[in-house]
Amino acid sequence: MARKPRIHYPGAFFHVMLRGNGGHDIFSSDADRTHFNLLLQEGVERYKHRIHAFCLMDNHVHLIIQVGGVSLSPIMQNVSFRFTRYFNVHQKRIGHLFQGRYKALLIDRNSYLLELVRYIHCNPVRSGIVKNPDEYKWSSHTAYLGKVNISWLTRKLVFSQFAKNQTAAAELYVDFIQQGVAENHRREFHTGAHDERILGDDSFSEKALALAQQKSKSTTTLSQIINAVCSEYEIDKMSLSEPGKKRPYAEARAITAFLVQEEEHLSLTDLGKLLHRDLAALSRAAGRIRERLNDNPKLNAKISSIKKQLA
């Protein structure tokens, strides 16, 4: 059965889960976790989304992300690709680090945000690592307690649910967390409720799907992306199918794959069929573009120019 498309609209909240391939650990040291947090910070700065909570366990990660104009896919592809590359280099290994696609549930923040924050912050307790969430330093709970400052973490929304005064809100937050320390595994936080992609009632689901549908009406086509890239590089369409890594064809093809990945309704599979290229190779090429964007102004300018053409 084909997977349902990701849901996206500006302001949407997601519970995101990344798991190690085959249940294996994705962190081997505190340095690994520190680097992962750095990638989260860089992602927030680049994509302008918000992270309201996180917890880094040995073999999986929990995040509560509120997206802006950029959908969740490029946000998560960026951090997972870059961390996999970092981990493989340091561990002298090759291959996948994470288990397939990340899991993401669209959540009704009015009904579930606070409970989900508590559930995530108490995850180390349920796993038997610590007896109290205060003892675990690799979650956003320590920042909510004021023990550390995490500049890229958004706490204001959660605190505002308790009281207008932040001091009072912080105290009420602590009481709220303690009330859930003994809470068991909650299946709905992992699998959704009415829709496997959504944690919310029927009314919320209908509104969310309608908003996502409205957003999807303005998307571009595969042909438009190819035409814009070829125009920017002053090459013909057939050149994108050229074998090997010869420039500028390889870079143009990689940028095409990167832009296709940013569109919720397009797929690298279709691009691969059109260009007669391997799906995995296109995915790796797009990942390399995503990596280079962090310190390559010239490449950023090219992609901005292509996006202007598409707009």
C-alpha atoms as a PDB file:
ATOM      1  CA  MET A   1       0.000   0.000   0.000  1.00  0.00           C
ATOM      2  CA  ALA A   2       1.338   3.432  -0.989  1.00  0.00           C
ATOM      3  CA  ARG A   3       2.206   5.782   1.845  1.00  0.00           C
ATOM      4  CA  LYS A   4      -0.057   8.748   2.360  1.00  0.00           C
ATOM      5  CA  PRO A   5       1.599  12.082   1.531  1.00  0.00           C
ATOM      6  CA  ARG A   6       3.025  14.231   4.299  1.00  0.00           C
ATOM      7  CA  ILE A   7       0.708  16.945   5.583  1.00  0.00           C
ATOM      8  CA  HIS A   8       2.021  20.489   5.481  1.00  0.00           C
ATOM      9  CA  TYR A   9       0.707  23.948   6.191  1.00  0.00           C
ATOM     10  CA  PRO A  10       2.463  26.898   7.879  1.00  0.00           C
ATOM     11  CA  GLY A  11       2.220  26.731  11.664  1.00  0.00           C
ATOM     12  CA  ALA A  12       1.578  22.987  11.866  1.00  0.00           C
ATOM     13  CA  PHE A  13       2.885  21.098  14.928  1.00  0.00           C
ATOM     14  CA  PHE A  14       4.509  17.670  14.588  1.00  0.00           C
ATOM     15  CA  HIS A  15       5.729  14.965  16.923  1.00  0.00           C
ATOM     16  CA  VAL A  16       8.799  13.714  15.063  1.00  0.00           C
ATOM     17  CA  MET A  17      10.589  10.450  15.844  1.00  0.00           C
ATOM     18  CA  LEU A  18      13.935   9.305  14.430  1.00  0.00           C
ATOM     19  CA  ARG A  19      15.024   5.747  15.214  1.00  0.00           C
ATOM     20  CA  GLY A  20      18.274   3.880  14.729  1.00  0.00           C
ATOM     21  CA  ASN A  21      18.351   1.371  11.890  1.00  0.00           C
ATOM     22  CA  GLY A  22      17.505  -2.059  13.283  1.00  0.00           C
ATOM     23  CA  GLY A  23      17.130  -0.568  16.759  1.00  0.00           C
ATOM     24  CA  HIS A  24      20.857   0.214  16.963  1.00  0.00           C
ATOM     25  CA  ASP A  25      22.224   3.216  18.846  1.00  0.00           C
ATOM     26  CA  ILE A  26      22.556   6.503  16.988  1.00  0.00           C
ATOM     27  CA  PHE A  27      24.665   8.162  19.691  1.00  0.00           C
ATOM     28  CA  SER A  28      27.906   6.715  21.050  1.00  0.00           C
ATOM     29  CA  SER A  29      29.003   9.670  23.199  1.00  0.00           C
ATOM     30  CA  ASP A  30      28.017  13.045  24.606  1.00  0.00           C
ATOM     31  CA  ALA A  31      29.990  14.579  21.736  1.00  0.00           C
ATOM     32  CA  ASP A  32      27.567  12.920  19.300  1.00  0.00           C
ATOM     33  CA  ARG A  33      24.572  14.360  21.122  1.00  0.00           C
ATOM     34  CA  THR A  34      26.188  17.793  21.241  1.00  0.00           C
ATOM     35  CA  HIS A  35      26.761  17.665  17.493  1.00  0.00           C
ATOM     36  CA  PHE A  36      23.156  16.610  16.878  1.00  0.00           C
ATOM     37  CA  ASN A  37      21.964  19.596  18.918  1.00  0.00           C
ATOM     38  CA  LEU A  38      24.218  21.850  16.854  1.00  0.00           C
ATOM     39  CA  LEU A  39      22.570  20.548  13.680  1.00  0.00           C
ATOM     40  CA  LEU A  40      19.137  21.235  15.200  1.00  0.00           C
ATOM     41  CA  GLN A  41      20.231  24.790  15.942  1.00  0.00           C
ATOM     42  CA  GLU A  42      21.543  25.336  12.421  1.00  0.00           C
ATOM     43  CA  GLY A  43      18.306  23.933  11.025  1.00  0.00           C
ATOM     44  CA  VAL A  44      16.211  26.379  13.059  1.00  0.00           C
ATOM     45  CA  GLU A  45      18.347  29.266  11.842  1.00  0.00           C
ATOM     46  CA  ARG A  46      18.068  28.180   8.230  1.00  0.00           C
ATOM     47  CA  TYR A  47      14.471  26.966   7.900  1.00  0.00           C
ATOM     48  CA  LYS A  48      12.854  29.279  10.483  1.00  0.00           C
ATOM     49  CA  HIS A  49      10.833  26.576  12.247  1.00  0.00           C
ATOM     50  CA  ARG A  50      10.424  26.228  16.021  1.00  0.00           C
ATOM     51  CA  ILE A  51      11.379  23.363  18.307  1.00  0.00           C
ATOM     52  CA  HIS A  52       9.232  23.244  21.451  1.00  0.00           C
ATOM     53  CA  ALA A  53      10.693  20.081  22.991  1.00  0.00           C
ATOM     54  CA  PHE A  54      13.234  17.332  22.339  1.00  0.00           C
ATOM     55  CA  CYS A  55      14.745  14.259  23.924  1.00  0.00           C
ATOM     56  CA  LEU A  56      17.835  12.427  22.686  1.00  0.00           C
ATOM     57  CA  MET A  57      17.841   8.781  23.725  1.00  0.00           C
ATOM     58  CA  ASP A  58      20.493   6.184  22.843  1.00  0.00           C
ATOM     59  CA  ASN A  59      18.714   4.771  19.801  1.00  0.00           C
ATOM     60  CA  HIS A  60      16.010   7.309  19.013  1.00  0.00           C
ATOM     61  CA  VAL A  61      15.068  10.980  19.116  1.00  0.00           C
ATOM     62  CA  HIS A  62      11.816  12.795  19.918  1.00  0.00           C
ATOM     63  CA  LEU A  63      11.097  16.320  18.680  1.00  0.00           C
ATOM     64  CA  ILE A  64       8.126  18.673  18.728  1.00  0.00           C
ATOM     65  CA  ILE A  65       8.499  20.894  15.683  1.00  0.00           C
ATOM     66  CA  GLN A  66       6.286  23.761  14.536  1.00  0.00           C
ATOM     67  CA  VAL A  67       6.985  24.428  10.866  1.00  0.00           C
ATOM     68  CA  GLY A  68       6.910  27.795   9.134  1.00  0.00           C
ATOM     69  CA  GLY A  69       6.842  28.169   5.378  1.00  0.00           C
ATOM     70  CA  VAL A  70       9.241  25.253   4.817  1.00  0.00           C
ATOM     71  CA  SER A  71       7.747  21.778   5.097  1.00  0.00           C
ATOM     72  CA  LEU A  72       9.035  19.155   7.509  1.00  0.00           C
ATOM     73  CA  SER A  73      10.704  16.966   4.860  1.00  0.00           C
ATOM     74  CA  PRO A  74      13.708  19.184   4.008  1.00  0.00           C
ATOM     75  CA  ILE A  75      14.126  20.051   7.693  1.00  0.00           C
ATOM     76  CA  MET A  76      14.443  16.414   8.715  1.00  0.00           C
ATOM     77  CA  GLN A  77      16.356  15.325   5.619  1.00  0.00           C
ATOM     78  CA  ASN A  78      18.943  17.986   6.375  1.00  0.00           C
ATOM     79  CA  VAL A  79      19.585  16.946   9.968  1.00  0.00           C
ATOM     80  CA  SER A  80      19.421  13.176   9.327  1.00  0.00           C
ATOM     81  CA  PHE A  81      21.737  13.309   6.302  1.00  0.00           C
ATOM     82  CA  ARG A  82      24.311  15.551   7.990  1.00  0.00           C
ATOM     83  CA  PHE A  83      24.317  13.585  11.240  1.00  0.00           C
ATOM     84  CA  THR A  84      24.619  10.260   9.397  1.00  0.00           C
ATOM     85  CA  ARG A  85      27.606  11.622   7.520  1.00  0.00           C
ATOM     86  CA  TYR A  86      29.195  12.864  10.748  1.00  0.00           C
ATOM     87  CA  PHE A  87      28.539   9.586  12.582  1.00  0.00           C
ATOM     88  CA  ASN A  88      29.836   7.386   9.774  1.00  0.00           C
ATOM     89  CA  VAL A  89      33.069   9.373   9.514  1.00  0.00           C
ATOM     90  CA  HIS A  90      33.731   9.248  13.267  1.00  0.00           C
ATOM     91  CA  GLN A  91      32.778   5.582  13.618  1.00  0.00           C
ATOM     92  CA  LYS A  92      34.518   4.551  10.374  1.00  0.00           C
ATOM     93  CA  ARG A  93      31.370   2.928   9.070  1.00  0.00           C
ATOM     94  CA  ILE A  94      29.143   3.154   5.992  1.00  0.00           C
ATOM     95  CA  GLY A  95      25.442   2.725   5.355  1.00  0.00           C
ATOM     96  CA  HIS A  96      22.190   3.934   6.841  1.00  0.00           C
ATOM     97  CA  LEU A  97      22.060   5.154  10.419  1.00  0.00           C
ATOM     98  CA  PHE A  98      18.339   5.795  10.745  1.00  0.00           C
ATOM     99  CA  GLN A  99      15.458   3.408  10.264  1.00  0.00           C
ATOM    100  CA  GLY A 100      13.793   4.408   7.006  1.00  0.00           C
ATOM    101  CA  ARG A 101      11.798   7.618   6.927  1.00  0.00           C
ATOM    102  CA  TYR A 102      11.308   9.593  10.086  1.00  0.00           C
ATOM    103  CA  LYS A 103       7.929   9.185  11.778  1.00  0.00           C
ATOM    104  CA  ALA A 104       5.874  12.363  12.086  1.00  0.00           C
ATOM    105  CA  LEU A 105       2.442  12.925  13.586  1.00  0.00           C
ATOM    106  CA  LEU A 106       0.589  16.166  13.006  1.00  0.00           C
ATOM    107  CA  ILE A 107      -0.759  17.133  16.429  1.00  0.00           C
ATOM    108  CA  ASP A 108      -3.610  19.286  17.653  1.00  0.00           C
ATOM    109  CA  ARG A 109      -1.574  21.549  19.899  1.00  0.00           C
ATOM    110  CA  ASN A 110      -4.633  22.788  21.812  1.00  0.00           C
ATOM    111  CA  SER A 111      -5.434  19.250  22.955  1.00  0.00           C
ATOM    112  CA  TYR A 112      -2.091  17.479  23.074  1.00  0.00           C
ATOM    113  CA  LEU A 113       0.886  19.845  23.200  1.00  0.00           C
ATOM    114  CA  LEU A 114       1.345  19.964  26.977  1.00  0.00           C
ATOM    115  CA  GLU A 115       0.794  16.244  27.466  1.00  0.00           C
ATOM    116  CA  LEU A 116       3.210  15.447  24.655  1.00  0.00           C
ATOM    117  CA  VAL A 117       5.902  17.722  26.095  1.00  0.00           C
ATOM    118  CA  ARG A 118       5.535  15.912  29.416  1.00  0.00           C
ATOM    119  CA  TYR A 119       5.537  12.517  27.718  1.00  0.00           C
ATOM    120  CA  ILE A 120       8.766  13.323  25.845  1.00  0.00           C
ATOM    121  CA  HIS A 121      10.512  14.782  28.893  1.00  0.00           C
ATOM    122  CA  CYS A 122       9.607  11.707  30.958  1.00  0.00           C
ATOM    123  CA  ASN A 123      10.841   9.267  28.327  1.00  0.00           C
ATOM    124  CA  PRO A 124      14.185   8.649  30.139  1.00  0.00           C
ATOM    125  CA  VAL A 125      12.213   7.713  33.275  1.00  0.00           C
ATOM    126  CA  ARG A 126      10.011   5.215  31.400  1.00  0.00           C
ATOM    127  CA  SER A 127      13.172   3.717  29.894  1.00  0.00           C
ATOM    128  CA  GLY A 128      14.718   3.224  33.351  1.00  0.00           C
ATOM    129  CA  ILE A 129      17.695   5.500  32.683  1.00  0.00           C
ATOM    130  CA  VAL A 130      16.866   7.936  35.498  1.00  0.00           C
ATOM    131  CA  LYS A 131      14.321   8.098  38.296  1.00  0.00           C
ATOM    132  CA  ASN A 132      13.421  11.733  37.680  1.00  0.00           C
ATOM    133  CA  PRO A 133      13.423  13.710  34.391  1.00  0.00           C
ATOM    134  CA  ASP A 134      15.451  16.446  36.128  1.00  0.00           C
ATOM    135  CA  GLU A 135      18.447  14.073  36.115  1.00  0.00           C
ATOM    136  CA  TYR A 136      18.567  13.640  32.337  1.00  0.00           C
ATOM    137  CA  LYS A 137      20.557  16.363  30.581  1.00  0.00           C
ATOM    138  CA  TRP A 138      19.834  15.437  26.953  1.00  0.00           C
ATOM    139  CA  SER A 139      16.270  16.693  26.798  1.00  0.00           C
ATOM    140  CA  SER A 140      14.768  20.168  26.707  1.00  0.00           C
ATOM    141  CA  HIS A 141      13.434  19.653  30.238  1.00  0.00           C
ATOM    142  CA  THR A 142      16.638  21.097  31.723  1.00  0.00           C
ATOM    143  CA  ALA A 143      16.105  24.274  29.688  1.00  0.00           C
ATOM    144  CA  TYR A 144      12.501  24.528  30.880  1.00  0.00           C
ATOM    145  CA  LEU A 145      13.839  24.289  34.430  1.00  0.00           C
ATOM    146  CA  GLY A 146      16.258  27.145  33.709  1.00  0.00           C
ATOM    147  CA  LYS A 147      19.336  24.990  34.339  1.00  0.00           C
ATOM    148  CA  VAL A 148      20.720  25.548  30.833  1.00  0.00           C
ATOM    149  CA  ASN A 149      20.117  28.065  28.084  1.00  0.00           C
ATOM    150  CA  ILE A 150      19.201  26.658  24.675  1.00  0.00           C
ATOM    151  CA  SER A 151      18.765  29.644  22.389  1.00  0.00           C
ATOM    152  CA  TRP A 152      17.053  27.730  19.591  1.00  0.00           C
ATOM    153  CA  LEU A 153      14.416  26.159  21.867  1.00  0.00           C
ATOM    154  CA  THR A 154      11.014  27.854  22.080  1.00  0.00           C
ATOM    155  CA  ARG A 155       9.603  27.671  25.637  1.00  0.00           C
ATOM    156  CA  LYS A 156       7.237  30.626  25.563  1.00  0.00           C
ATOM    157  CA  LEU A 157       4.231  28.816  24.111  1.00  0.00           C
ATOM    158  CA  VAL A 158       4.339  25.972  26.638  1.00  0.00           C
ATOM    159  CA  PHE A 159       4.787  28.338  29.587  1.00  0.00           C
ATOM    160  CA  SER A 160       1.920  30.534  28.340  1.00  0.00           C
ATOM    161  CA  GLN A 161      -0.435  27.589  28.778  1.00  0.00           C
ATOM    162  CA  PHE A 162       0.159  27.696  32.550  1.00  0.00           C
ATOM    163  CA  ALA A 163       0.290  31.394  33.457  1.00  0.00           C
ATOM    164  CA  LYS A 164       1.108  34.829  32.050  1.00  0.00           C
ATOM    165  CA  ASN A 165       3.894  35.343  34.575  1.00  0.00           C
ATOM    166  CA  GLN A 166       6.891  33.198  33.605  1.00  0.00           C
ATOM    167  CA  THR A 167       7.973  32.508  37.189  1.00  0.00           C
ATOM    168  CA  ALA A 168       4.519  31.239  38.075  1.00  0.00           C
ATOM    169  CA  ALA A 169       4.317  29.339  34.804  1.00  0.00           C
ATOM    170  CA  ALA A 170       7.654  27.627  35.477  1.00  0.00           C
ATOM    171  CA  GLU A 171       6.459  26.460  38.894  1.00  0.00           C
ATOM    172  CA  LEU A 172       3.218  25.096  37.489  1.00  0.00           C
ATOM    173  CA  TYR A 173       5.173  23.407  34.701  1.00  0.00           C
ATOM    174  CA  VAL A 174       7.319  21.541  37.254  1.00  0.00           C
ATOM    175  CA  ASP A 175       4.193  20.305  39.073  1.00  0.00           C
ATOM    176  CA  PHE A 176       2.668  19.225  35.763  1.00  0.00           C
ATOM    177  CA  ILE A 177       5.753  17.208  34.815  1.00  0.00           C
ATOM    178  CA  GLN A 178       5.892  15.487  38.185  1.00  0.00           C
ATOM    179  CA  GLN A 179       2.268  14.402  37.820  1.00  0.00           C
ATOM    180  CA  GLY A 180       3.223  12.429  34.718  1.00  0.00           C
ATOM    181  CA  VAL A 181       6.465  10.803  35.848  1.00  0.00           C
ATOM    182  CA  ALA A 182       4.740   7.450  36.414  1.00  0.00           C
ATOM    183  CA  GLU A 183       2.825   7.607  33.114  1.00  0.00           C
ATOM    184  CA  ASN A 184       3.141   4.518  30.917  1.00  0.00           C
ATOM    185  CA  HIS A 185       3.649   4.235  27.167  1.00  0.00           C
ATOM    186  CA  ARG A 186       0.910   6.034  25.225  1.00  0.00           C
ATOM    187  CA  ARG A 187       0.302   4.429  21.867  1.00  0.00           C
ATOM    188  CA  GLU A 188      -1.533   7.404  20.370  1.00  0.00           C
ATOM    189  CA  PHE A 189       1.591   9.573  20.655  1.00  0.00           C
ATOM    190  CA  HIS A 190       3.338   7.144  18.280  1.00  0.00           C
ATOM    191  CA  THR A 191       0.618   6.031  15.878  1.00  0.00           C
ATOM    192  CA  GLY A 192      -1.973   8.812  15.819  1.00  0.00           C
ATOM    193  CA  ALA A 193      -5.665   8.537  16.544  1.00  0.00           C
ATOM    194  CA  HIS A 194      -8.172   8.716  13.664  1.00  0.00           C
ATOM    195  CA  ASP A 195      -5.598   9.061  10.874  1.00  0.00           C
ATOM    196  CA  GLU A 196      -2.167   7.418  11.074  1.00  0.00           C
ATOM    197  CA  ARG A 197      -0.663  10.842  10.298  1.00  0.00           C
ATOM    198  CA  ILE A 198      -2.727  12.905  12.743  1.00  0.00           C
ATOM    199  CA  LEU A 199      -3.179  13.140  16.504  1.00  0.00           C
ATOM    200  CA  GLY A 200      -6.452  14.994  16.927  1.00  0.00           C
ATOM    201  CA  ASP A 201     -10.206  14.549  16.682  1.00  0.00           C
ATOM    202  CA  ASP A 202     -12.249  14.425  13.461  1.00  0.00           C
ATOM    203  CA  SER A 203     -12.806  18.182  13.424  1.00  0.00           C
ATOM    204  CA  PHE A 204      -9.087  18.940  13.707  1.00  0.00           C
ATOM    205  CA  SER A 205      -8.244  16.324  11.078  1.00  0.00           C
ATOM    206  CA  GLU A 206     -10.714  17.792   8.588  1.00  0.00           C
ATOM    207  CA  LYS A 207      -9.400  21.326   9.097  1.00  0.00           C
ATOM    208  CA  ALA A 208      -5.768  20.201   8.839  1.00  0.00           C
ATOM    209  CA  LEU A 209      -6.340  18.256   5.632  1.00  0.00           C
ATOM    210  CA  ALA A 210      -8.215  21.218   4.149  1.00  0.00           C
ATOM    211  CA  LEU A 211      -5.339  23.574   4.989  1.00  0.00           C
ATOM    212  CA  ALA A 212      -2.836  21.134   3.490  1.00  0.00           C
ATOM    213  CA  GLN A 213      -4.927  20.853   0.331  1.00  0.00           C
ATOM    214  CA  GLN A 214      -5.058  24.634  -0.022  1.00  0.00           C
ATOM    215  CA  LYS A 215      -1.282  24.764   0.298  1.00  0.00           C
ATOM    216  CA  SER A 216      -0.762  22.075  -2.322  1.00  0.00           C
ATOM    217  CA  LYS A 217      -2.590  24.030  -5.046  1.00  0.00           C
ATOM    218  CA  SER A 218       0.383  26.352  -5.561  1.00  0.00           C
ATOM    219  CA  THR A 219       3.022  23.632  -6.107  1.00  0.00           C
ATOM    220  CA  THR A 220       5.231  23.418  -9.158  1.00  0.00           C
ATOM    221  CA  THR A 221       5.684  20.595 -11.655  1.00  0.00           C
ATOM    222  CA  LEU A 222       8.666  18.366 -12.358  1.00  0.00           C
ATOM    223  CA  SER A 223       9.030  19.864 -15.821  1.00  0.00           C
ATOM    224  CA  GLN A 224       9.076  23.401 -14.417  1.00  0.00           C
ATOM    225  CA  ILE A 225      11.918  22.528 -12.047  1.00  0.00           C
ATOM    226  CA  ILE A 226      13.939  20.884 -14.824  1.00  0.00           C
ATOM    227  CA  ASN A 227      13.376  23.847 -17.159  1.00  0.00           C
ATOM    228  CA  ALA A 228      14.396  26.358 -14.478  1.00  0.00           C
ATOM    229  CA  VAL A 229      17.571  24.444 -13.579  1.00  0.00           C
ATOM    230  CA  CYS A 230      18.560  24.034 -17.230  1.00  0.00           C
ATOM    231  CA  SER A 231      17.954  27.727 -17.830  1.00  0.00           C
ATOM    232  CA  GLU A 232      20.148  28.687 -14.870  1.00  0.00           C
ATOM    233  CA  TYR A 233      22.989  26.430 -16.033  1.00  0.00           C
ATOM    234  CA  GLU A 234      22.433  27.177 -19.723  1.00  0.00           C
ATOM    235  CA  ILE A 235      22.244  23.498 -20.655  1.00  0.00           C
ATOM    236  CA  ASP A 236      19.626  21.394 -22.439  1.00  0.00           C
ATOM    237  CA  LYS A 237      17.388  18.862 -20.734  1.00  0.00           C
ATOM    238  CA  MET A 238      19.218  15.878 -22.200  1.00  0.00           C
ATOM    239  CA  SER A 239      22.383  16.964 -20.397  1.00  0.00           C
ATOM    240  CA  LEU A 240      20.821  16.104 -17.031  1.00  0.00           C
ATOM    241  CA  SER A 241      20.932  12.446 -18.069  1.00  0.00           C
ATOM    242  CA  GLU A 242      24.643  12.570 -18.894  1.00  0.00           C
ATOM    243  CA  PRO A 243      26.528   9.775 -17.075  1.00  0.00           C
ATOM    244  CA  GLY A 244      29.289  10.437 -14.581  1.00  0.00           C
ATOM    245  CA  LYS A 245      30.126  13.442 -12.442  1.00  0.00           C
ATOM    246  CA  LYS A 246      31.067  15.901 -15.145  1.00  0.00           C
ATOM    247  CA  ARG A 247      30.285  19.509 -14.286  1.00  0.00           C
ATOM    248  CA  PRO A 248      28.055  21.416 -14.638  1.00  0.00           C
ATOM    249  CA  TYR A 249      25.697  18.557 -15.508  1.00  0.00           C
ATOM    250  CA  ALA A 250      26.163  16.612 -12.279  1.00  0.00           C
ATOM    251  CA  GLU A 251      25.609  19.695 -10.123  1.00  0.00           C
ATOM    252  CA  ALA A 252      22.530  20.715 -12.120  1.00  0.00           C
ATOM    253  CA  ARG A 253      21.109  17.205 -11.733  1.00  0.00           C
ATOM    254  CA  ALA A 254      21.834  17.254  -7.996  1.00  0.00           C
ATOM    255  CA  ILE A 255      20.092  20.622  -7.589  1.00  0.00           C
ATOM    256  CA  THR A 256      17.118  19.288  -9.537  1.00  0.00           C
ATOM    257  CA  ALA A 257      16.889  16.351  -7.116  1.00  0.00           C
ATOM    258  CA  PHE A 258      17.239  18.702  -4.152  1.00  0.00           C
ATOM    259  CA  LEU A 259      14.378  20.920  -5.378  1.00  0.00           C
ATOM    260  CA  VAL A 260      12.187  17.908  -6.109  1.00  0.00           C
ATOM    261  CA  GLN A 261      12.672  16.708  -2.526  1.00  0.00           C
ATOM    262  CA  GLU A 262      11.417  20.071  -1.250  1.00  0.00           C
ATOM    263  CA  GLU A 263       8.102  19.591  -3.046  1.00  0.00           C
ATOM    264  CA  GLU A 264       5.645  17.435  -1.104  1.00  0.00           C
ATOM    265  CA  HIS A 265       3.805  16.204  -4.220  1.00  0.00           C
ATOM    266  CA  LEU A 266       6.874  15.299  -6.314  1.00  0.00           C
ATOM    267  CA  SER A 267       9.117  12.265  -5.959  1.00  0.00           C
ATOM    268  CA  LEU A 268      12.689  11.324  -6.794  1.00  0.00           C
ATOM    269  CA  THR A 269      11.295   8.105  -8.238  1.00  0.00           C
ATOM    270  CA  ASP A 270       9.592  10.017 -11.035  1.00  0.00           C
ATOM    271  CA  LEU A 271      12.690  12.140 -11.577  1.00  0.00           C
ATOM    272  CA  GLY A 272      14.833   9.005 -11.751  1.00  0.00           C
ATOM    273  CA  LYS A 273      12.594   7.474 -14.413  1.00  0.00           C
ATOM    274  CA  LEU A 274      12.661  10.670 -16.432  1.00  0.00           C
ATOM    275  CA  LEU A 275      16.452  11.065 -16.273  1.00  0.00           C
ATOM    276  CA  HIS A 276      17.226   7.315 -16.311  1.00  0.00           C
ATOM    277  CA  ARG A 277      19.126   7.693 -13.060  1.00  0.00           C
ATOM    278  CA  ASP A 278      19.260   5.560  -9.932  1.00  0.00           C
ATOM    279  CA  LEU A 279      16.986   6.702  -7.091  1.00  0.00           C
ATOM    280  CA  ALA A 280      19.651   6.209  -4.405  1.00  0.00           C
ATOM    281  CA  ALA A 281      22.204   8.175  -6.429  1.00  0.00           C
ATOM    282  CA  LEU A 282      19.776  11.078  -6.817  1.00  0.00           C
ATOM    283  CA  SER A 283      19.047  11.039  -3.093  1.00  0.00           C
ATOM    284  CA  ARG A 284      22.751  11.124  -2.227  1.00  0.00           C
ATOM    285  CA  ALA A 285      23.337  13.937  -4.716  1.00  0.00           C
ATOM    286  CA  ALA A 286      20.517  15.986  -3.194  1.00  0.00           C
ATOM    287  CA  GLY A 287      21.971  15.349   0.253  1.00  0.00           C
ATOM    288  CA  ARG A 288      25.356  16.666  -0.834  1.00  0.00           C
ATOM    289  CA  ILE A 289      23.710  19.855  -2.110  1.00  0.00           C
ATOM    290  CA  ARG A 290      21.928  20.256   1.211  1.00  0.00           C
ATOM    291  CA  GLU A 291      25.259  19.871   3.005  1.00  0.00           C
ATOM    292  CA  ARG A 292      27.047  22.406   0.803  1.00  0.00           C
ATOM    293  CA  LEU A 293      24.374  25.062   1.273  1.00  0.00           C
ATOM    294  CA  ASN A 294      25.602  25.796   4.785  1.00  0.00           C
ATOM    295  CA  ASP A 295      28.860  27.393   3.636  1.00  0.00           C
ATOM    296  CA  ASN A 296      28.562  28.020  -0.107  1.00  0.00           C
ATOM    297  CA  PRO A 297      27.130  31.479  -0.982  1.00  0.00           C
ATOM    298  CA  LYS A 298      27.543  30.877  -4.715  1.00  0.00           C
ATOM    299  CA  LEU A 299      25.452  27.713  -4.594  1.00  0.00           C
ATOM    300  CA  ASN A 300      22.831  29.452  -2.450  1.00  0.00           C
ATOM    301  CA  ALA A 301      22.632  32.229  -5.037  1.00  0.00           C
ATOM    302  CA  LYS A 302      22.082  29.733  -7.848  1.00  0.00           C
ATOM    303  CA  ILE A 303      19.268  27.980  -6.015  1.00  0.00           C
ATOM    304  CA  SER A 304      17.675  31.322  -5.087  1.00  0.00           C
ATOM    305  CA  SER A 305      17.784  32.317  -8.750  1.00  0.00           C
ATOM    306  CA  ILE A 306      16.126  29.048  -9.780  1.00  0.00           C
ATOM    307  CA  LYS A 307      13.419  29.472  -7.161  1.00  0.00           C
ATOM    308  CA  LYS A 308      12.709  32.987  -8.443  1.00  0.00           C
ATOM    309  CA  GLN A 309      12.152  31.530 -11.887  1.00  0.00           C
ATOM    310  CA  LEU A 310       9.734  28.979 -10.441  1.00  0.00           C
ATOM    311  CA  ALA A 311       7.890  31.689  -8.522  1.00  0.00           C
END
